[in-house]
Amino acid sequence: MKATTTSLAVTGTGAAVSGLGAFLLRNKWGAGILGFGLAHVVLGVLDMFRPSVRS
Protein backbone atom coordinates (compact mmCIF):
# COMPACT_ATOMS: atom_id res chain seq x y z
CA MET A 1 0.00 0.00 0.00
CA LYS A 2 1.17 3.51 -0.70
CA ALA A 3 1.59 5.92 2.20
CA THR A 4 -1.19 8.14 0.86
CA THR A 5 -3.59 5.20 0.68
CA THR A 6 -2.84 4.27 4.28
CA SER A 7 -3.36 7.86 5.44
CA LEU A 8 -6.68 8.05 3.63
CA ALA A 9 -7.76 4.73 5.13
CA VAL A 10 -6.94 5.92 8.65
CA THR A 11 -8.71 9.24 8.06
CA GLY A 12 -11.78 7.56 6.56
CA THR A 13 -12.00 5.06 9.40
CA GLY A 14 -11.69 7.91 11.89
CA ALA A 15 -14.48 9.79 10.15
CA ALA A 16 -16.74 6.75 10.33
CA VAL A 17 -15.98 6.18 14.01
CA SER A 18 -16.51 9.89 14.72
CA GLY A 19 -19.91 9.70 13.07
CA LEU A 20 -20.80 6.71 15.21
CA GLY A 21 -19.63 8.55 18.33
CA ALA A 22 -21.65 11.64 17.43
CA PHE A 23 -24.70 9.43 16.97
CA LEU A 24 -24.13 7.85 20.38
CA LEU A 25 -23.43 11.06 22.33
CA ARG A 26 -26.39 10.47 24.61
CA ASN A 27 -24.87 7.13 25.57
CA LYS A 28 -22.23 6.69 28.27
CA TRP A 29 -19.53 5.78 25.72
CA GLY A 30 -20.40 8.30 22.98
CA ALA A 31 -17.89 10.99 23.92
CA GLY A 32 -15.05 8.47 24.14
CA ILE A 33 -15.88 6.95 20.77
CA LEU A 34 -16.11 10.43 19.22
CA GLY A 35 -12.73 11.41 20.65
CA PHE A 36 -11.15 8.16 19.46
CA GLY A 37 -12.44 8.79 15.94
CA LEU A 38 -11.30 12.41 15.91
CA ALA A 39 -7.84 11.35 17.04
CA HIS A 40 -7.64 8.99 14.07
CA VAL A 41 -8.72 11.76 11.71
CA VAL A 42 -6.01 14.07 13.07
CA LEU A 43 -3.32 11.37 12.91
CA GLY A 44 -4.33 10.41 9.36
CA VAL A 45 -4.13 14.01 8.17
CA LEU A 46 -0.78 14.55 9.91
CA ASP A 47 0.54 11.39 8.27
CA MET A 48 -0.35 12.80 4.85
CA PHE A 49 1.95 15.78 5.44
CA ARG A 50 4.83 13.77 6.89
CA PRO A 51 7.82 13.61 4.56
CA SER A 52 8.55 10.11 3.34
CA VAL A 53 12.05 8.68 3.65
CA ARG A 54 13.19 6.25 0.98
CA SER A 55 16.38 4.28 1.41
C-alpha atoms as a PDB file:
ATOM      1  CA  MET A   1       0.000   0.000   0.000  1.00  0.00           C
ATOM      2  CA  LYS A   2       1.170   3.511  -0.704  1.00  0.00           C
ATOM      3  CA  ALA A   3       1.585   5.921   2.196  1.00  0.00           C
ATOM      4  CA  THR A   4      -1.193   8.139   0.861  1.00  0.00           C
ATOM      5  CA  THR A   5      -3.585   5.203   0.681  1.00  0.00           C
ATOM      6  CA  THR A   6      -2.842   4.274   4.280  1.00  0.00           C
ATOM      7  CA  SER A   7      -3.356   7.861   5.439  1.00  0.00           C
ATOM      8  CA  LEU A   8      -6.679   8.046   3.632  1.00  0.00           C
ATOM      9  CA  ALA A   9      -7.762   4.733   5.127  1.00  0.00           C
ATOM     10  CA  VAL A  10      -6.945   5.916   8.651  1.00  0.00           C
ATOM     11  CA  THR A  11      -8.713   9.238   8.064  1.00  0.00           C
ATOM     12  CA  GLY A  12     -11.776   7.560   6.564  1.00  0.00           C
ATOM     13  CA  THR A  13     -11.997   5.059   9.399  1.00  0.00           C
ATOM     14  CA  GLY A  14     -11.689   7.906  11.889  1.00  0.00           C
ATOM     15  CA  ALA A  15     -14.478   9.794  10.147  1.00  0.00           C
ATOM     16  CA  ALA A  16     -16.743   6.749  10.332  1.00  0.00           C
ATOM     17  CA  VAL A  17     -15.976   6.181  14.014  1.00  0.00           C
ATOM     18  CA  SER A  18     -16.513   9.892  14.721  1.00  0.00           C
ATOM     19  CA  GLY A  19     -19.908   9.698  13.067  1.00  0.00           C
ATOM     20  CA  LEU A  20     -20.798   6.713  15.214  1.00  0.00           C
ATOM     21  CA  GLY A  21     -19.626   8.554  18.329  1.00  0.00           C
ATOM     22  CA  ALA A  22     -21.654  11.640  17.429  1.00  0.00           C
ATOM     23  CA  PHE A  23     -24.696   9.427  16.973  1.00  0.00           C
ATOM     24  CA  LEU A  24     -24.133   7.846  20.381  1.00  0.00           C
ATOM     25  CA  LEU A  25     -23.428  11.060  22.327  1.00  0.00           C
ATOM     26  CA  ARG A  26     -26.393  10.466  24.612  1.00  0.00           C
ATOM     27  CA  ASN A  27     -24.873   7.131  25.565  1.00  0.00           C
ATOM     28  CA  LYS A  28     -22.230   6.692  28.266  1.00  0.00           C
ATOM     29  CA  TRP A  29     -19.526   5.780  25.716  1.00  0.00           C
ATOM     30  CA  GLY A  30     -20.402   8.299  22.977  1.00  0.00           C
ATOM     31  CA  ALA A  31     -17.887  10.993  23.918  1.00  0.00           C
ATOM     32  CA  GLY A  32     -15.052   8.474  24.144  1.00  0.00           C
ATOM     33  CA  ILE A  33     -15.880   6.955  20.769  1.00  0.00           C
ATOM     34  CA  LEU A  34     -16.115  10.430  19.224  1.00  0.00           C
ATOM     35  CA  GLY A  35     -12.725  11.409  20.645  1.00  0.00           C
ATOM     36  CA  PHE A  36     -11.150   8.156  19.462  1.00  0.00           C
ATOM     37  CA  GLY A  37     -12.440   8.788  15.941  1.00  0.00           C
ATOM     38  CA  LEU A  38     -11.303  12.410  15.912  1.00  0.00           C
ATOM     39  CA  ALA A  39      -7.839  11.350  17.039  1.00  0.00           C
ATOM     40  CA  HIS A  40      -7.644   8.987  14.066  1.00  0.00           C
ATOM     41  CA  VAL A  41      -8.718  11.764  11.715  1.00  0.00           C
ATOM     42  CA  VAL A  42      -6.008  14.071  13.067  1.00  0.00           C
ATOM     43  CA  LEU A  43      -3.322  11.371  12.911  1.00  0.00           C
ATOM     44  CA  GLY A  44      -4.326  10.407   9.362  1.00  0.00           C
ATOM     45  CA  VAL A  45      -4.131  14.008   8.167  1.00  0.00           C
ATOM     46  CA  LEU A  46      -0.783  14.551   9.912  1.00  0.00           C
ATOM     47  CA  ASP A  47       0.541  11.392   8.271  1.00  0.00           C
ATOM     48  CA  MET A  48      -0.347  12.800   4.851  1.00  0.00           C
ATOM     49  CA  PHE A  49       1.948  15.781   5.444  1.00  0.00           C
ATOM     50  CA  ARG A  50       4.831  13.771   6.890  1.00  0.00           C
ATOM     51  CA  PRO A  51       7.821  13.611   4.560  1.00  0.00           C
ATOM     52  CA  SER A  52       8.551  10.112   3.335  1.00  0.00           C
ATOM     53  CA  VAL A  53      12.048   8.675   3.653  1.00  0.00           C
ATOM     54  CA  ARG A  54      13.190   6.248   0.981  1.00  0.00           C
ATOM     55  CA  SER A  55      16.375   4.276   1.412  1.00  0.00           C
END
